[in-house]
Amino acid sequence: VTSRLNDRRRWGIIYCPRIGAVNKIKKWREIRAYLI
């Protein structure tokens, strides 16, 4: 996180793992691949 953003299109993403999830980052990996 930076105090100044040159790219106003940049998203600030907060990832919240699902309650009870065994692999907390599995869903994020799928989302990250699609964002890329």
Full PDB file with SEQRES, HELIX, SHEET, SSBOND, CRYST1, ORIGX, SCALE, CONECT and MASTER records, all heavy atoms in Angstrom:
SEQRES   1 A   36  VAL THR SER ARG LEU ASN ASP ARG ARG ARG TRP GLY ILE          
SEQRES   2 A   36  ILE TYR CYS PRO ARG ILE GLY ALA VAL ASN LYS ILE LYS          
SEQRES   3 A   36  LYS TRP ARG GLU ILE ARG ALA TYR LEU ILE                      
HELIX    1 AA1 LYS A   26  LEU A   35  1                                  10    
CRYST1    1.000    1.000    1.000  90.00  90.00  90.00 P 1           1          
ORIGX1      1.000000  0.000000  0.000000        0.00000                         
ORIGX2      0.000000  1.000000  0.000000        0.00000                         
ORIGX3      0.000000  0.000000  1.000000        0.00000                         
SCALE1      1.000000  0.000000  0.000000        0.00000                         
SCALE2      0.000000  1.000000  0.000000        0.00000                         
SCALE3      0.000000  0.000000  1.000000        0.00000                         
ATOM      1  N   VAL A   1       0.847  -1.187   0.000  1.00  0.00           N  
ATOM      2  CA  VAL A   1       0.000   0.000   0.000  1.00  0.00           C  
ATOM      3  C   VAL A   1       0.880   1.234   0.000  1.00  0.00           C  
ATOM      4  O   VAL A   1       1.806   1.351   0.801  1.00  0.00           O  
ATOM      5  CB  VAL A   1      -0.919   0.012   1.231  1.00  0.00           C  
ATOM      6  CG1 VAL A   1      -1.763   1.267   1.241  1.00  0.00           C  
ATOM      7  CG2 VAL A   1      -1.801  -1.220   1.236  1.00  0.00           C  
ATOM      8  N   THR A   2       0.636   2.153  -0.890  1.00  0.00           N  
ATOM      9  CA  THR A   2       1.409   3.385  -0.964  1.00  0.00           C  
ATOM     10  C   THR A   2       0.508   4.568  -0.663  1.00  0.00           C  
ATOM     11  O   THR A   2      -0.706   4.504  -0.801  1.00  0.00           O  
ATOM     12  CB  THR A   2       2.033   3.552  -2.368  1.00  0.00           C  
ATOM     13  OG1 THR A   2       0.995   3.533  -3.339  1.00  0.00           O  
ATOM     14  CG2 THR A   2       3.016   2.428  -2.651  1.00  0.00           C  
ATOM     15  N   SER A   3       1.118   5.675  -0.251  1.00  0.00           N  
ATOM     16  CA  SER A   3       0.326   6.852   0.120  1.00  0.00           C  
ATOM     17  C   SER A   3      -0.131   7.637  -1.100  1.00  0.00           C  
ATOM     18  O   SER A   3      -1.053   8.418  -1.027  1.00  0.00           O  
ATOM     19  CB  SER A   3       1.141   7.758   1.041  1.00  0.00           C  
ATOM     20  OG  SER A   3       2.325   8.161   0.393  1.00  0.00           O  
ATOM     21  N   ARG A   4       0.543   7.419  -2.250  1.00  0.00           N  
ATOM     22  CA  ARG A   4       0.134   8.095  -3.475  1.00  0.00           C  
ATOM     23  C   ARG A   4      -0.026   7.060  -4.582  1.00  0.00           C  
ATOM     24  O   ARG A   4       0.771   6.145  -4.715  1.00  0.00           O  
ATOM     25  CB  ARG A   4       1.174   9.126  -3.900  1.00  0.00           C  
ATOM     26  CG  ARG A   4       1.229  10.348  -2.985  1.00  0.00           C  
ATOM     27  CD  ARG A   4       2.158  11.387  -3.573  1.00  0.00           C  
ATOM     28  NE  ARG A   4       2.203  12.581  -2.739  1.00  0.00           N  
ATOM     29  CZ  ARG A   4       2.928  13.661  -3.049  1.00  0.00           C  
ATOM     30  NH1 ARG A   4       3.637  13.694  -4.160  1.00  0.00           N  
ATOM     31  NH2 ARG A   4       2.928  14.700  -2.247  1.00  0.00           N  
ATOM     32  N   LEU A   5      -1.052   7.236  -5.355  1.00  0.00           N  
ATOM     33  CA  LEU A   5      -1.315   6.300  -6.445  1.00  0.00           C  
ATOM     34  C   LEU A   5      -1.276   7.034  -7.774  1.00  0.00           C  
ATOM     35  O   LEU A   5      -2.041   7.980  -8.000  1.00  0.00           O  
ATOM     36  CB  LEU A   5      -2.699   5.651  -6.251  1.00  0.00           C  
ATOM     37  CG  LEU A   5      -2.849   4.762  -5.020  1.00  0.00           C  
ATOM     38  CD1 LEU A   5      -4.296   4.322  -4.884  1.00  0.00           C  
ATOM     39  CD2 LEU A   5      -1.952   3.554  -5.118  1.00  0.00           C  
ATOM     40  N   ASN A   6      -0.359   6.614  -8.622  1.00  0.00           N  
ATOM     41  CA  ASN A   6      -0.305   7.205  -9.960  1.00  0.00           C  
ATOM     42  C   ASN A   6      -1.366   6.608 -10.869  1.00  0.00           C  
ATOM     43  O   ASN A   6      -1.824   7.246 -11.809  1.00  0.00           O  
ATOM     44  CB  ASN A   6       1.092   6.985 -10.559  1.00  0.00           C  
ATOM     45  CG  ASN A   6       2.170   7.733  -9.791  1.00  0.00           C  
ATOM     46  OD1 ASN A   6       1.918   8.836  -9.326  1.00  0.00           O  
ATOM     47  ND2 ASN A   6       3.342   7.126  -9.639  1.00  0.00           N  
ATOM     48  N   ASP A   7      -1.772   5.361 -10.588  1.00  0.00           N  
ATOM     49  CA  ASP A   7      -2.765   4.677 -11.407  1.00  0.00           C  
ATOM     50  C   ASP A   7      -4.084   4.616 -10.646  1.00  0.00           C  
ATOM     51  O   ASP A   7      -4.257   3.807  -9.740  1.00  0.00           O  
ATOM     52  CB  ASP A   7      -2.267   3.260 -11.742  1.00  0.00           C  
ATOM     53  CG  ASP A   7      -3.214   2.539 -12.692  1.00  0.00           C  
ATOM     54  OD1 ASP A   7      -4.249   3.124 -13.051  1.00  0.00           O  
ATOM     55  OD2 ASP A   7      -2.914   1.382 -13.053  1.00  0.00           O  
ATOM     56  N   ARG A   8      -5.011   5.480 -10.995  1.00  0.00           N  
ATOM     57  CA  ARG A   8      -6.283   5.535 -10.282  1.00  0.00           C  
ATOM     58  C   ARG A   8      -7.171   4.325 -10.577  1.00  0.00           C  
ATOM     59  O   ARG A   8      -8.181   4.129  -9.939  1.00  0.00           O  
ATOM     60  CB  ARG A   8      -7.024   6.828 -10.657  1.00  0.00           C  
ATOM     61  CG  ARG A   8      -6.346   8.080 -10.128  1.00  0.00           C  
ATOM     62  CD  ARG A   8      -6.382   8.136  -8.618  1.00  0.00           C  
ATOM     63  NE  ARG A   8      -5.627   9.276  -8.103  1.00  0.00           N  
ATOM     64  CZ  ARG A   8      -5.453   9.517  -6.812  1.00  0.00           C  
ATOM     65  NH1 ARG A   8      -5.945   8.680  -5.922  1.00  0.00           N  
ATOM     66  NH2 ARG A   8      -4.744  10.560  -6.407  1.00  0.00           N  
ATOM     67  N   ARG A   9      -6.786   3.542 -11.571  1.00  0.00           N  
ATOM     68  CA  ARG A   9      -7.558   2.338 -11.885  1.00  0.00           C  
ATOM     69  C   ARG A   9      -7.198   1.169 -10.966  1.00  0.00           C  
ATOM     70  O   ARG A   9      -7.867   0.148 -10.969  1.00  0.00           O  
ATOM     71  CB  ARG A   9      -7.324   1.935 -13.332  1.00  0.00           C  
ATOM     72  CG  ARG A   9      -7.788   2.954 -14.365  1.00  0.00           C  
ATOM     73  CD  ARG A   9      -7.291   2.585 -15.734  1.00  0.00           C  
ATOM     74  NE  ARG A   9      -5.821   2.535 -15.768  1.00  0.00           N  
ATOM     75  CZ  ARG A   9      -5.128   2.104 -16.817  1.00  0.00           C  
ATOM     76  NH1 ARG A   9      -5.748   1.692 -17.903  1.00  0.00           N  
ATOM     77  NH2 ARG A   9      -3.807   2.093 -16.771  1.00  0.00           N  
ATOM     78  N   ARG A  10      -6.138   1.301 -10.212  1.00  0.00           N  
ATOM     79  CA  ARG A  10      -5.653   0.205  -9.371  1.00  0.00           C  
ATOM     80  C   ARG A  10      -6.654  -0.101  -8.257  1.00  0.00           C  
ATOM     81  O   ARG A  10      -7.115   0.789  -7.557  1.00  0.00           O  
ATOM     82  CB  ARG A  10      -4.295   0.572  -8.778  1.00  0.00           C  
ATOM     83  CG  ARG A  10      -3.659  -0.532  -7.928  1.00  0.00           C  
ATOM     84  CD  ARG A  10      -2.285  -0.098  -7.451  1.00  0.00           C  
ATOM     85  NE  ARG A  10      -1.358   0.011  -8.558  1.00  0.00           N  
ATOM     86  CZ  ARG A  10      -0.630  -0.993  -9.042  1.00  0.00           C  
ATOM     87  NH1 ARG A  10      -0.732  -2.202  -8.486  1.00  0.00           N  
ATOM     88  NH2 ARG A  10       0.185  -0.808 -10.050  1.00  0.00           N  
ATOM     89  N   TRP A  11      -6.970  -1.378  -8.110  1.00  0.00           N  
ATOM     90  CA  TRP A  11      -7.886  -1.800  -7.055  1.00  0.00           C  
ATOM     91  C   TRP A  11      -7.121  -2.033  -5.754  1.00  0.00           C  
ATOM     92  O   TRP A  11      -5.977  -2.506  -5.772  1.00  0.00           O  
ATOM     93  CB  TRP A  11      -8.589  -3.102  -7.424  1.00  0.00           C  
ATOM     94  CG  TRP A  11      -9.374  -3.092  -8.682  1.00  0.00           C  
ATOM     95  CD1 TRP A  11      -9.603  -2.037  -9.527  1.00  0.00           C  
ATOM     96  CD2 TRP A  11     -10.043  -4.212  -9.270  1.00  0.00           C  
ATOM     97  NE1 TRP A  11     -10.374  -2.417 -10.586  1.00  0.00           N  
ATOM     98  CE2 TRP A  11     -10.656  -3.761 -10.465  1.00  0.00           C  
ATOM     99  CE3 TRP A  11     -10.180  -5.548  -8.916  1.00  0.00           C  
ATOM    100  CZ2 TRP A  11     -11.399  -4.602 -11.288  1.00  0.00           C  
ATOM    101  CZ3 TRP A  11     -10.912  -6.394  -9.736  1.00  0.00           C  
ATOM    102  CH2 TRP A  11     -11.522  -5.926 -10.905  1.00  0.00           C  
ATOM    103  N   GLY A  12      -7.767  -1.750  -4.666  1.00  0.00           N  
ATOM    104  CA  GLY A  12      -7.282  -2.178  -3.351  1.00  0.00           C  
ATOM    105  C   GLY A  12      -8.127  -3.367  -2.923  1.00  0.00           C  
ATOM    106  O   GLY A  12      -9.318  -3.219  -2.636  1.00  0.00           O  
ATOM    107  N   ILE A  13      -7.538  -4.570  -2.895  1.00  0.00           N  
ATOM    108  CA  ILE A  13      -8.291  -5.797  -2.631  1.00  0.00           C  
ATOM    109  C   ILE A  13      -8.025  -6.291  -1.210  1.00  0.00           C  
ATOM    110  O   ILE A  13      -6.872  -6.395  -0.780  1.00  0.00           O  
ATOM    111  CB  ILE A  13      -7.907  -6.903  -3.639  1.00  0.00           C  
ATOM    112  CG1 ILE A  13      -8.260  -6.469  -5.068  1.00  0.00           C  
ATOM    113  CG2 ILE A  13      -8.619  -8.205  -3.297  1.00  0.00           C  
ATOM    114  CD1 ILE A  13      -7.912  -7.507  -6.129  1.00  0.00           C  
ATOM    115  N   ILE A  14      -9.108  -6.592  -0.508  1.00  0.00           N  
ATOM    116  CA  ILE A  14      -9.021  -7.222   0.815  1.00  0.00           C  
ATOM    117  C   ILE A  14      -9.582  -8.627   0.685  1.00  0.00           C  
ATOM    118  O   ILE A  14     -10.758  -8.807   0.345  1.00  0.00           O  
ATOM    119  CB  ILE A  14      -9.821  -6.435   1.864  1.00  0.00           C  
ATOM    120  CG1 ILE A  14      -9.359  -4.982   1.915  1.00  0.00           C  
ATOM    121  CG2 ILE A  14      -9.677  -7.089   3.242  1.00  0.00           C  
ATOM    122  CD1 ILE A  14     -10.234  -4.097   2.787  1.00  0.00           C  
ATOM    123  N   TYR A  15      -8.751  -9.614   0.947  1.00  0.00           N  
ATOM    124  CA  TYR A  15      -9.170 -11.014   0.842  1.00  0.00           C  
ATOM    125  C   TYR A  15      -9.480 -11.564   2.229  1.00  0.00           C  
ATOM    126  O   TYR A  15      -8.653 -11.515   3.131  1.00  0.00           O  
ATOM    127  CB  TYR A  15      -8.082 -11.856   0.184  1.00  0.00           C  
ATOM    128  CG  TYR A  15      -8.405 -13.339   0.154  1.00  0.00           C  
ATOM    129  CD1 TYR A  15      -9.470 -13.813  -0.600  1.00  0.00           C  
ATOM    130  CD2 TYR A  15      -7.658 -14.253   0.895  1.00  0.00           C  
ATOM    131  CE1 TYR A  15      -9.782 -15.167  -0.622  1.00  0.00           C  
ATOM    132  CE2 TYR A  15      -7.964 -15.603   0.875  1.00  0.00           C  
ATOM    133  CZ  TYR A  15      -9.025 -16.054   0.107  1.00  0.00           C  
ATOM    134  OH  TYR A  15      -9.335 -17.391   0.091  1.00  0.00           O  
ATOM    135  N   CYS A  16     -10.703 -12.083   2.390  1.00  0.00           N  
ATOM    136  CA  CYS A  16     -11.149 -12.642   3.666  1.00  0.00           C  
ATOM    137  C   CYS A  16     -11.422 -14.132   3.476  1.00  0.00           C  
ATOM    138  O   CYS A  16     -12.408 -14.493   2.819  1.00  0.00           O  
ATOM    139  CB  CYS A  16     -12.427 -11.952   4.134  1.00  0.00           C  
ATOM    140  SG  CYS A  16     -12.344 -10.157   4.052  1.00  0.00           S  
ATOM    141  N   PRO A  17     -10.581 -15.007   4.008  1.00  0.00           N  
ATOM    142  CA  PRO A  17     -10.811 -16.447   3.870  1.00  0.00           C  
ATOM    143  C   PRO A  17     -12.155 -16.847   4.456  1.00  0.00           C  
ATOM    144  O   PRO A  17     -12.614 -16.279   5.454  1.00  0.00           O  
ATOM    145  CB  PRO A  17      -9.652 -17.076   4.653  1.00  0.00           C  
ATOM    146  CG  PRO A  17      -8.602 -16.014   4.684  1.00  0.00           C  
ATOM    147  CD  PRO A  17      -9.346 -14.718   4.742  1.00  0.00           C  
ATOM    148  N   ARG A  18     -12.794 -17.823   3.842  1.00  0.00           N  
ATOM    149  CA  ARG A  18     -14.097 -18.290   4.307  1.00  0.00           C  
ATOM    150  C   ARG A  18     -13.958 -19.010   5.640  1.00  0.00           C  
ATOM    151  O   ARG A  18     -13.008 -19.762   5.868  1.00  0.00           O  
ATOM    152  CB  ARG A  18     -14.712 -19.227   3.271  1.00  0.00           C  
ATOM    153  CG  ARG A  18     -16.092 -19.756   3.659  1.00  0.00           C  
ATOM    154  CD  ARG A  18     -16.647 -20.696   2.623  1.00  0.00           C  
ATOM    155  NE  ARG A  18     -16.919 -20.012   1.372  1.00  0.00           N  
ATOM    156  CZ  ARG A  18     -17.408 -20.622   0.294  1.00  0.00           C  
ATOM    157  NH1 ARG A  18     -17.636 -21.924   0.319  1.00  0.00           N  
ATOM    158  NH2 ARG A  18     -17.636 -19.932  -0.801  1.00  0.00           N  
ATOM    159  N   ILE A  19     -14.938 -18.795   6.523  1.00  0.00           N  
ATOM    160  CA  ILE A  19     -14.955 -19.491   7.809  1.00  0.00           C  
ATOM    161  C   ILE A  19     -15.021 -20.995   7.566  1.00  0.00           C  
ATOM    162  O   ILE A  19     -15.848 -21.479   6.800  1.00  0.00           O  
ATOM    163  CB  ILE A  19     -16.165 -19.037   8.656  1.00  0.00           C  
ATOM    164  CG1 ILE A  19     -16.001 -17.570   9.060  1.00  0.00           C  
ATOM    165  CG2 ILE A  19     -16.325 -19.910   9.896  1.00  0.00           C  
ATOM    166  CD1 ILE A  19     -17.200 -17.003   9.765  1.00  0.00           C  
ATOM    167  N   GLY A  20     -14.142 -21.740   8.221  1.00  0.00           N  
ATOM    168  CA  GLY A  20     -14.137 -23.188   8.099  1.00  0.00           C  
ATOM    169  C   GLY A  20     -13.335 -23.711   6.932  1.00  0.00           C  
ATOM    170  O   GLY A  20     -13.228 -24.927   6.758  1.00  0.00           O  
ATOM    171  N   ALA A  21     -12.748 -22.825   6.121  1.00  0.00           N  
ATOM    172  CA  ALA A  21     -11.981 -23.272   4.961  1.00  0.00           C  
ATOM    173  C   ALA A  21     -10.713 -23.993   5.414  1.00  0.00           C  
ATOM    174  O   ALA A  21      -9.997 -23.520   6.294  1.00  0.00           O  
ATOM    175  CB  ALA A  21     -11.621 -22.088   4.077  1.00  0.00           C  
ATOM    176  N   VAL A  22     -10.438 -25.152   4.815  1.00  0.00           N  
ATOM    177  CA  VAL A  22      -9.231 -25.915   5.141  1.00  0.00           C  
ATOM    178  C   VAL A  22      -8.020 -25.265   4.483  1.00  0.00           C  
ATOM    179  O   VAL A  22      -6.986 -25.049   5.116  1.00  0.00           O  
ATOM    180  CB  VAL A  22      -9.380 -27.383   4.692  1.00  0.00           C  
ATOM    181  CG1 VAL A  22      -8.090 -28.149   4.949  1.00  0.00           C  
ATOM    182  CG2 VAL A  22     -10.552 -28.045   5.414  1.00  0.00           C  
ATOM    183  N   ASN A  23      -8.145 -24.948   3.206  1.00  0.00           N  
ATOM    184  CA  ASN A  23      -7.076 -24.267   2.467  1.00  0.00           C  
ATOM    185  C   ASN A  23      -7.512 -22.820   2.253  1.00  0.00           C  
ATOM    186  O   ASN A  23      -8.295 -22.511   1.366  1.00  0.00           O  
ATOM    187  CB  ASN A  23      -6.823 -24.963   1.129  1.00  0.00           C  
ATOM    188  CG  ASN A  23      -5.613 -24.407   0.407  1.00  0.00           C  
ATOM    189  OD1 ASN A  23      -5.158 -23.305   0.693  1.00  0.00           O  
ATOM    190  ND2 ASN A  23      -5.097 -25.174  -0.541  1.00  0.00           N  
ATOM    191  N   LYS A  24      -6.992 -21.921   3.089  1.00  0.00           N  
ATOM    192  CA  LYS A  24      -7.493 -20.558   3.117  1.00  0.00           C  
ATOM    193  C   LYS A  24      -7.140 -19.734   1.871  1.00  0.00           C  
ATOM    194  O   LYS A  24      -7.770 -18.724   1.600  1.00  0.00           O  
ATOM    195  CB  LYS A  24      -6.973 -19.841   4.372  1.00  0.00           C  
ATOM    196  CG  LYS A  24      -7.561 -20.390   5.659  1.00  0.00           C  
ATOM    197  CD  LYS A  24      -7.102 -19.583   6.847  1.00  0.00           C  
ATOM    198  CE  LYS A  24      -7.734 -20.079   8.132  1.00  0.00           C  
ATOM    199  NZ  LYS A  24      -9.186 -19.914   8.154  1.00  0.00           N  
ATOM    200  N   ILE A  25      -6.100 -20.142   1.141  1.00  0.00           N  
ATOM    201  CA  ILE A  25      -5.690 -19.327  -0.013  1.00  0.00           C  
ATOM    202  C   ILE A  25      -6.050 -19.963  -1.349  1.00  0.00           C  
ATOM    203  O   ILE A  25      -5.744 -19.404  -2.396  1.00  0.00           O  
ATOM    204  CB  ILE A  25      -4.174 -19.034   0.030  1.00  0.00           C  
ATOM    205  CG1 ILE A  25      -3.373 -20.334  -0.071  1.00  0.00           C  
ATOM    206  CG2 ILE A  25      -3.814 -18.243   1.275  1.00  0.00           C  
ATOM    207  CD1 ILE A  25      -1.887 -20.083  -0.230  1.00  0.00           C  
ATOM    208  N   LYS A  26      -6.706 -21.135  -1.321  1.00  0.00           N  
ATOM    209  CA  LYS A  26      -7.064 -21.796  -2.575  1.00  0.00           C  
ATOM    210  C   LYS A  26      -7.946 -20.903  -3.436  1.00  0.00           C  
ATOM    211  O   LYS A  26      -7.692 -20.740  -4.644  1.00  0.00           O  
ATOM    212  CB  LYS A  26      -7.773 -23.117  -2.293  1.00  0.00           C  
ATOM    213  CG  LYS A  26      -8.213 -23.855  -3.549  1.00  0.00           C  
ATOM    214  CD  LYS A  26      -8.939 -25.140  -3.219  1.00  0.00           C  
ATOM    215  CE  LYS A  26      -9.413 -25.839  -4.486  1.00  0.00           C  
ATOM    216  NZ  LYS A  26     -10.170 -27.088  -4.181  1.00  0.00           N  
ATOM    217  N   LYS A  27      -8.982 -20.315  -2.833  1.00  0.00           N  
ATOM    218  CA  LYS A  27      -9.898 -19.457  -3.598  1.00  0.00           C  
ATOM    219  C   LYS A  27      -9.160 -18.231  -4.133  1.00  0.00           C  
ATOM    220  O   LYS A  27      -9.391 -17.805  -5.274  1.00  0.00           O  
ATOM    221  CB  LYS A  27     -11.073 -19.031  -2.703  1.00  0.00           C  
ATOM    222  CG  LYS A  27     -12.153 -18.210  -3.413  1.00  0.00           C  
ATOM    223  CD  LYS A  27     -12.857 -19.023  -4.473  1.00  0.00           C  
ATOM    224  CE  LYS A  27     -14.064 -18.288  -5.059  1.00  0.00           C  
ATOM    225  NZ  LYS A  27     -15.180 -18.170  -4.111  1.00  0.00           N  
ATOM    226  N   TRP A  28      -8.267 -17.658  -3.320  1.00  0.00           N  
ATOM    227  CA  TRP A  28      -7.537 -16.488  -3.781  1.00  0.00           C  
ATOM    228  C   TRP A  28      -6.670 -16.817  -4.984  1.00  0.00           C  
ATOM    229  O   TRP A  28      -6.548 -16.009  -5.906  1.00  0.00           O  
ATOM    230  CB  TRP A  28      -6.692 -15.891  -2.658  1.00  0.00           C  
ATOM    231  CG  TRP A  28      -5.731 -14.863  -3.176  1.00  0.00           C  
ATOM    232  CD1 TRP A  28      -4.374 -14.910  -3.202  1.00  0.00           C  
ATOM    233  CD2 TRP A  28      -6.092 -13.624  -3.815  1.00  0.00           C  
ATOM    234  NE1 TRP A  28      -3.850 -13.795  -3.801  1.00  0.00           N  
ATOM    235  CE2 TRP A  28      -4.879 -12.984  -4.191  1.00  0.00           C  
ATOM    236  CE3 TRP A  28      -7.307 -12.995  -4.109  1.00  0.00           C  
ATOM    237  CZ2 TRP A  28      -4.859 -11.758  -4.837  1.00  0.00           C  
ATOM    238  CZ3 TRP A  28      -7.274 -11.772  -4.754  1.00  0.00           C  
ATOM    239  CH2 TRP A  28      -6.064 -11.152  -5.115  1.00  0.00           C  
ATOM    240  N   ARG A  29      -6.050 -17.981  -5.009  1.00  0.00           N  
ATOM    241  CA  ARG A  29      -5.224 -18.370  -6.155  1.00  0.00           C  
ATOM    242  C   ARG A  29      -6.047 -18.411  -7.437  1.00  0.00           C  
ATOM    243  O   ARG A  29      -5.585 -17.987  -8.505  1.00  0.00           O  
ATOM    244  CB  ARG A  29      -4.576 -19.727  -5.892  1.00  0.00           C  
ATOM    245  CG  ARG A  29      -3.436 -19.693  -4.873  1.00  0.00           C  
ATOM    246  CD  ARG A  29      -2.980 -21.089  -4.521  1.00  0.00           C  
ATOM    247  NE  ARG A  29      -1.844 -21.059  -3.611  1.00  0.00           N  
ATOM    248  CZ  ARG A  29      -1.423 -22.114  -2.923  1.00  0.00           C  
ATOM    249  NH1 ARG A  29      -2.052 -23.284  -3.048  1.00  0.00           N  
ATOM    250  NH2 ARG A  29      -0.378 -22.005  -2.120  1.00  0.00           N  
ATOM    251  N   GLU A  30      -7.270 -18.897  -7.343  1.00  0.00           N  
ATOM    252  CA  GLU A  30      -8.139 -18.947  -8.517  1.00  0.00           C  
ATOM    253  C   GLU A  30      -8.503 -17.525  -8.974  1.00  0.00           C  
ATOM    254  O   GLU A  30      -8.467 -17.225 -10.181  1.00  0.00           O  
ATOM    255  CB  GLU A  30      -9.408 -19.729  -8.181  1.00  0.00           C  
ATOM    256  CG  GLU A  30      -9.169 -21.195  -7.847  1.00  0.00           C  
ATOM    257  CD  GLU A  30     -10.428 -21.885  -7.364  1.00  0.00           C  
ATOM    258  OE1 GLU A  30     -11.461 -21.204  -7.210  1.00  0.00           O  
ATOM    259  OE2 GLU A  30     -10.378 -23.108  -7.124  1.00  0.00           O  
ATOM    260  N   ILE A  31      -8.845 -16.679  -8.010  1.00  0.00           N  
ATOM    261  CA  ILE A  31      -9.209 -15.299  -8.343  1.00  0.00           C  
ATOM    262  C   ILE A  31      -8.003 -14.559  -8.913  1.00  0.00           C  
ATOM    263  O   ILE A  31      -8.109 -13.831  -9.911  1.00  0.00           O  
ATOM    264  CB  ILE A  31      -9.758 -14.578  -7.094  1.00  0.00           C  
ATOM    265  CG1 ILE A  31     -11.066 -15.236  -6.641  1.00  0.00           C  
ATOM    266  CG2 ILE A  31      -9.971 -13.091  -7.373  1.00  0.00           C  
ATOM    267  CD1 ILE A  31     -11.553 -14.760  -5.291  1.00  0.00           C  
ATOM    268  N   ARG A  32      -6.850 -14.742  -8.304  1.00  0.00           N  
ATOM    269  CA  ARG A  32      -5.623 -14.069  -8.771  1.00  0.00           C  
ATOM    270  C   ARG A  32      -5.302 -14.442 -10.219  1.00  0.00           C  
ATOM    271  O   ARG A  32      -4.944 -13.572 -11.025  1.00  0.00           O  
ATOM    272  CB  ARG A  32      -4.457 -14.439  -7.854  1.00  0.00           C  
ATOM    273  CG  ARG A  32      -3.133 -13.769  -8.234  1.00  0.00           C  
ATOM    274  CD  ARG A  32      -2.034 -14.182  -7.295  1.00  0.00           C  
ATOM    275  NE  ARG A  32      -1.817 -15.625  -7.333  1.00  0.00           N  
ATOM    276  CZ  ARG A  32      -1.033 -16.282  -6.472  1.00  0.00           C  
ATOM    277  NH1 ARG A  32      -0.408 -15.629  -5.504  1.00  0.00           N  
ATOM    278  NH2 ARG A  32      -0.880 -17.587  -6.580  1.00  0.00           N  
ATOM    279  N   ALA A  33      -5.453 -15.725 -10.537  1.00  0.00           N  
ATOM    280  CA  ALA A  33      -5.183 -16.163 -11.913  1.00  0.00           C  
ATOM    281  C   ALA A  33      -6.113 -15.464 -12.902  1.00  0.00           C  
ATOM    282  O   ALA A  33      -5.687 -15.064 -14.004  1.00  0.00           O  
ATOM    283  CB  ALA A  33      -5.338 -17.681 -12.016  1.00  0.00           C  
ATOM    284  N   TYR A  34      -7.372 -15.281 -12.513  1.00  0.00           N  
ATOM    285  CA  TYR A  34      -8.320 -14.614 -13.407  1.00  0.00           C  
ATOM    286  C   TYR A  34      -8.031 -13.122 -13.510  1.00  0.00           C  
ATOM    287  O   TYR A  34      -8.172 -12.523 -14.589  1.00  0.00           O  
ATOM    288  CB  TYR A  34      -9.747 -14.847 -12.926  1.00  0.00           C  
ATOM    289  CG  TYR A  34     -10.799 -14.466 -13.945  1.00  0.00           C  
ATOM    290  CD1 TYR A  34     -10.881 -15.138 -15.161  1.00  0.00           C  
ATOM    291  CD2 TYR A  34     -11.692 -13.433 -13.699  1.00  0.00           C  
ATOM    292  CE1 TYR A  34     -11.831 -14.788 -16.109  1.00  0.00           C  
ATOM    293  CE2 TYR A  34     -12.655 -13.076 -14.634  1.00  0.00           C  
ATOM    294  CZ  TYR A  34     -12.712 -13.758 -15.835  1.00  0.00           C  
ATOM    295  OH  TYR A  34     -13.650 -13.397 -16.776  1.00  0.00           O  
ATOM    296  N   LEU A  35      -7.598 -12.496 -12.416  1.00  0.00           N  
ATOM    297  CA  LEU A  35      -7.219 -11.085 -12.456  1.00  0.00           C  
ATOM    298  C   LEU A  35      -6.041 -10.865 -13.399  1.00  0.00           C  
ATOM    299  O   LEU A  35      -6.000  -9.895 -14.165  1.00  0.00           O  
ATOM    300  CB  LEU A  35      -6.865 -10.597 -11.048  1.00  0.00           C  
ATOM    301  CG  LEU A  35      -8.004 -10.508 -10.030  1.00  0.00           C  
ATOM    302  CD1 LEU A  35      -7.450 -10.230  -8.638  1.00  0.00           C  
ATOM    303  CD2 LEU A  35      -9.018  -9.441 -10.413  1.00  0.00           C  
ATOM    304  N   ILE A  36      -5.065 -11.778 -13.340  1.00  0.00           N  
ATOM    305  CA  ILE A  36      -3.907 -11.688 -14.241  1.00  0.00           C  
ATOM    306  C   ILE A  36      -4.357 -11.848 -15.689  1.00  0.00           C  
ATOM    307  O   ILE A  36      -3.931 -11.107 -16.588  1.00  0.00           O  
ATOM    308  CB  ILE A  36      -2.862 -12.753 -13.871  1.00  0.00           C  
ATOM    309  CG1 ILE A  36      -2.253 -12.434 -12.491  1.00  0.00           C  
ATOM    310  CG2 ILE A  36      -1.763 -12.829 -14.930  1.00  0.00           C  
ATOM    311  CD1 ILE A  36      -1.373 -13.526 -11.945  1.00  0.00           C  
TER     312      ILE A  36                                                      
MASTER        0    0    0    1    0    0    0    6  311    1    0    3          
END                                                                             
